[in-house]
Protein backbone atom coordinates (compact mmCIF):
# COMPACT_ATOMS: atom_id res chain seq x y z
CA MET A 1 -39.78 41.59 -46.73
CA LYS A 2 -39.55 40.97 -50.48
CA THR A 3 -42.18 38.20 -50.20
CA SER A 4 -44.54 40.52 -48.33
CA ILE A 5 -44.23 43.17 -51.01
CA ILE A 6 -44.93 40.62 -53.77
CA PHE A 7 -47.94 39.30 -51.84
CA LEU A 8 -49.33 42.82 -51.34
CA PHE A 9 -48.75 43.61 -55.02
CA ILE A 10 -50.71 40.49 -56.05
CA ILE A 11 -53.58 41.42 -53.71
CA PHE A 12 -53.54 44.96 -55.12
CA ILE A 13 -53.78 43.60 -58.69
CA PHE A 14 -56.76 41.38 -57.75
CA VAL A 15 -58.53 44.31 -56.08
CA PHE A 16 -57.69 46.68 -58.92
CA LEU A 17 -58.98 44.26 -61.55
CA GLY A 18 -62.14 43.62 -59.55
CA TYR A 19 -61.42 39.96 -58.97
CA SER A 20 -63.42 38.37 -56.20
CA PHE A 21 -62.68 35.02 -54.71
CA PRO A 22 -65.59 32.57 -54.92
CA ASN A 23 -67.39 32.31 -51.63
CA SER A 24 -69.58 29.27 -51.16
CA GLU A 25 -71.62 31.16 -48.56
CA THR A 26 -72.62 33.91 -50.99
CA GLU A 27 -72.59 32.04 -54.31
CA ALA A 28 -76.09 30.87 -55.09
CA THR A 29 -76.62 27.17 -55.77
CA TYR A 30 -79.40 25.19 -57.40
CA LEU A 31 -81.99 23.78 -55.01
CA GLY A 32 -84.53 22.09 -57.26
CA ILE A 33 -88.21 22.51 -57.94
CA ALA A 34 -89.31 21.08 -54.60
CA LYS A 35 -88.02 24.24 -52.89
CA CYS A 36 -89.82 26.57 -55.35
CA LYS A 37 -93.17 24.79 -55.41
CA PRO A 38 -94.52 25.56 -51.88
CA CYS A 39 -94.24 29.35 -52.26
CA HIS A 40 -95.08 29.46 -55.96
CA ILE A 41 -97.78 26.79 -56.25
CA GLN A 42 -99.90 28.69 -58.79
CA ILE A 43 -96.91 29.15 -61.10
CA TYR A 44 -95.87 25.53 -60.53
CA ASN A 45 -99.35 24.26 -61.47
CA SER A 46 -99.19 26.29 -64.69
CA TRP A 47 -95.60 25.25 -65.50
CA VAL A 48 -96.28 21.54 -65.02
CA LYS A 49 -98.52 21.63 -68.13
CA THR A 50 -95.72 22.95 -70.37
CA PRO A 51 -93.16 21.10 -72.53
CA HIS A 52 -90.43 22.39 -70.19
CA ALA A 53 -91.90 20.24 -67.42
CA LYS A 54 -91.43 17.16 -69.61
CA ALA A 55 -88.10 18.06 -71.22
CA TYR A 56 -86.04 15.23 -69.73
CA LYS A 57 -88.69 12.64 -70.46
CA SER A 58 -88.58 13.67 -74.12
CA LEU A 59 -84.97 12.44 -74.24
CA LYS A 60 -86.20 8.97 -73.32
CA ASP A 61 -88.86 8.88 -76.04
CA LYS A 62 -86.95 7.08 -78.81
CA ALA A 63 -89.43 8.01 -81.54
CA LYS A 64 -89.23 11.72 -80.65
CA VAL A 65 -85.45 11.60 -80.40
CA ASN A 66 -85.20 9.83 -83.77
CA ASN A 67 -87.49 12.37 -85.43
CA PHE A 68 -85.56 15.24 -83.88
CA LEU A 69 -82.20 13.84 -84.96
CA LYS A 70 -83.43 13.22 -88.51
CA SER A 71 -84.93 16.70 -88.81
CA HIS A 72 -81.61 18.20 -87.73
CA ASN A 73 -79.44 15.90 -89.89
CA VAL A 74 -77.71 14.50 -86.81
CA SER A 75 -76.43 10.99 -87.22
CA SER A 76 -73.70 10.81 -84.58
CA LEU A 77 -76.07 10.12 -81.68
CA ILE A 78 -78.35 7.15 -81.21
CA PRO A 79 -81.58 7.62 -79.22
CA GLU A 80 -80.41 5.43 -76.33
CA GLU A 81 -77.52 7.83 -75.71
CA ALA A 82 -79.62 11.01 -75.53
CA PRO A 83 -80.49 10.78 -71.79
CA LYS A 84 -76.77 10.35 -71.03
CA SER A 85 -75.29 12.77 -73.54
CA PRO A 86 -74.06 16.02 -71.97
CA ASP A 87 -74.94 17.81 -75.22
CA CYS A 88 -78.59 16.80 -74.81
CA VAL A 89 -78.90 16.76 -71.02
CA ARG A 90 -77.56 20.32 -70.73
CA CYS A 91 -80.81 21.73 -72.14
CA HIS A 92 -83.21 19.19 -70.66
CA THR A 93 -82.23 19.62 -66.99
CA THR A 94 -81.61 22.45 -64.54
CA GLY A 95 -78.12 23.82 -63.87
CA PHE A 96 -76.29 21.00 -65.64
CA GLU A 97 -72.86 20.57 -64.02
CA LEU A 98 -73.10 23.95 -62.27
CA ASN A 99 -72.88 24.54 -58.51
CA GLY A 100 -75.64 22.34 -57.07
CA GLY A 101 -77.11 21.69 -60.53
CA PHE A 102 -78.02 18.46 -62.31
CA ASN A 103 -75.23 15.92 -62.51
CA LEU A 104 -75.37 12.67 -64.47
CA SER A 105 -73.57 10.76 -61.72
CA LYS A 106 -75.97 11.75 -58.90
CA SER A 107 -79.60 11.19 -58.10
CA ASN A 108 -81.17 14.62 -58.46
CA ASP A 109 -84.77 14.25 -59.56
CA ASN A 110 -85.61 17.81 -58.42
CA LEU A 111 -83.33 19.11 -61.19
CA ILE A 112 -84.70 17.00 -64.03
CA ASN A 113 -86.50 19.05 -66.69
CA ILE A 114 -86.38 22.77 -67.34
CA THR A 115 -87.50 24.07 -63.98
CA CYS A 116 -87.76 27.50 -62.34
CA GLU A 117 -84.03 27.84 -61.81
CA SER A 118 -83.24 27.14 -65.49
CA CYS A 119 -84.69 30.53 -66.36
CA HIS A 120 -84.65 32.44 -63.07
CA GLY A 121 -81.19 31.35 -61.88
CA PRO A 122 -80.00 29.34 -58.89
CA GLY A 123 -82.39 29.85 -56.01
CA SER A 124 -80.50 29.27 -52.77
CA SER A 125 -79.96 32.98 -52.01
CA HIS A 126 -83.57 33.78 -52.93
CA TYR A 127 -84.83 30.89 -50.79
CA SER A 128 -82.89 31.91 -47.70
CA ALA A 129 -83.39 35.70 -48.01
CA LYS A 130 -85.75 37.69 -45.84
CA ARG A 131 -89.17 38.07 -47.45
CA ASP A 132 -88.72 41.74 -48.38
CA GLU A 133 -85.30 41.02 -49.97
CA LYS A 134 -86.14 37.87 -51.98
CA ALA A 135 -86.71 39.68 -55.30
CA LYS A 136 -83.13 40.92 -55.52
CA PHE A 137 -81.77 37.36 -55.40
CA ILE A 138 -83.59 35.95 -58.42
CA VAL A 139 -84.06 36.86 -62.09
CA GLY A 140 -87.64 38.10 -62.13
CA LYS A 141 -88.09 38.35 -65.86
CA PRO A 142 -85.49 36.39 -67.86
CA ASP A 143 -84.39 37.98 -71.12
CA GLU A 144 -83.92 36.52 -74.58
CA LYS A 145 -80.30 35.47 -73.89
CA VAL A 146 -81.50 32.98 -71.28
CA CYS A 147 -83.81 31.27 -73.77
CA LEU A 148 -81.25 31.30 -76.57
CA THR A 149 -78.76 29.25 -74.57
CA CYS A 150 -80.83 26.21 -75.56
CA HIS A 151 -83.26 27.49 -78.19
CA THR A 152 -80.56 27.88 -80.82
CA LYS A 153 -81.21 28.11 -84.56
CA GLU A 154 -79.88 24.57 -84.94
CA MET A 155 -81.89 22.98 -82.12
CA SER A 156 -85.05 25.11 -82.18
CA PRO A 157 -85.32 26.49 -85.70
CA GLY A 158 -88.94 27.60 -85.15
CA PHE A 159 -88.20 29.46 -81.92
CA ILE A 160 -89.02 33.15 -82.15
CA TYR A 161 -88.51 34.80 -78.78
CA ASP A 162 -91.07 37.58 -79.24
CA GLU A 163 -93.77 35.04 -80.10
CA TYR A 164 -92.93 32.63 -77.28
CA VAL A 165 -92.71 35.34 -74.63
CA LYS A 166 -96.31 36.35 -75.45
CA LYS A 167 -97.45 32.80 -74.67
CA GLY A 168 -95.33 32.60 -71.55
CA VAL A 169 -93.76 29.50 -70.08
CA HIS A 170 -96.08 29.63 -67.10
CA GLU A 171 -98.86 31.79 -65.79
CA ILE A 172 -97.72 35.24 -64.70
CA VAL A 173 -98.82 35.93 -61.16
CA LYS A 174 -99.16 39.51 -59.92
CA ARG A 175 -97.88 40.07 -56.40
């Protein structure tokens, strides 16, 4: 009896505090660009021409990495380490170490670079939703906070959100 009361009290506390247990069926996961491309081909074709589409490759360009490190007074990392460094990979891939996101120990080419889900969130719920409900399962227009997770003052000193948002990361398609 005492155990039942304690158990009910714990459940009450979780409900009262608004705690929800993670549910793998409802928690969106990262799918990769191959799932976005077929439905959003015009946006994909625009995105592929941007630096975001080449973000991971830039980690492998030793000259670019060296110049970047020098310009930021970073001496603790050598260029060969950049493609394997979690500090670098986090902002050059999609969903790094998140549910279904890029992982250094797996082959996940669809999550290399800064793809749709980097800005618009994990797409599994959007992908599997009914057509008329898809919009509520994805971030339609990401805000400044999304960009500033990687475009920090230290790493992107010339980044000014209001200027970059005018240029856009990809073509905006009216639906």
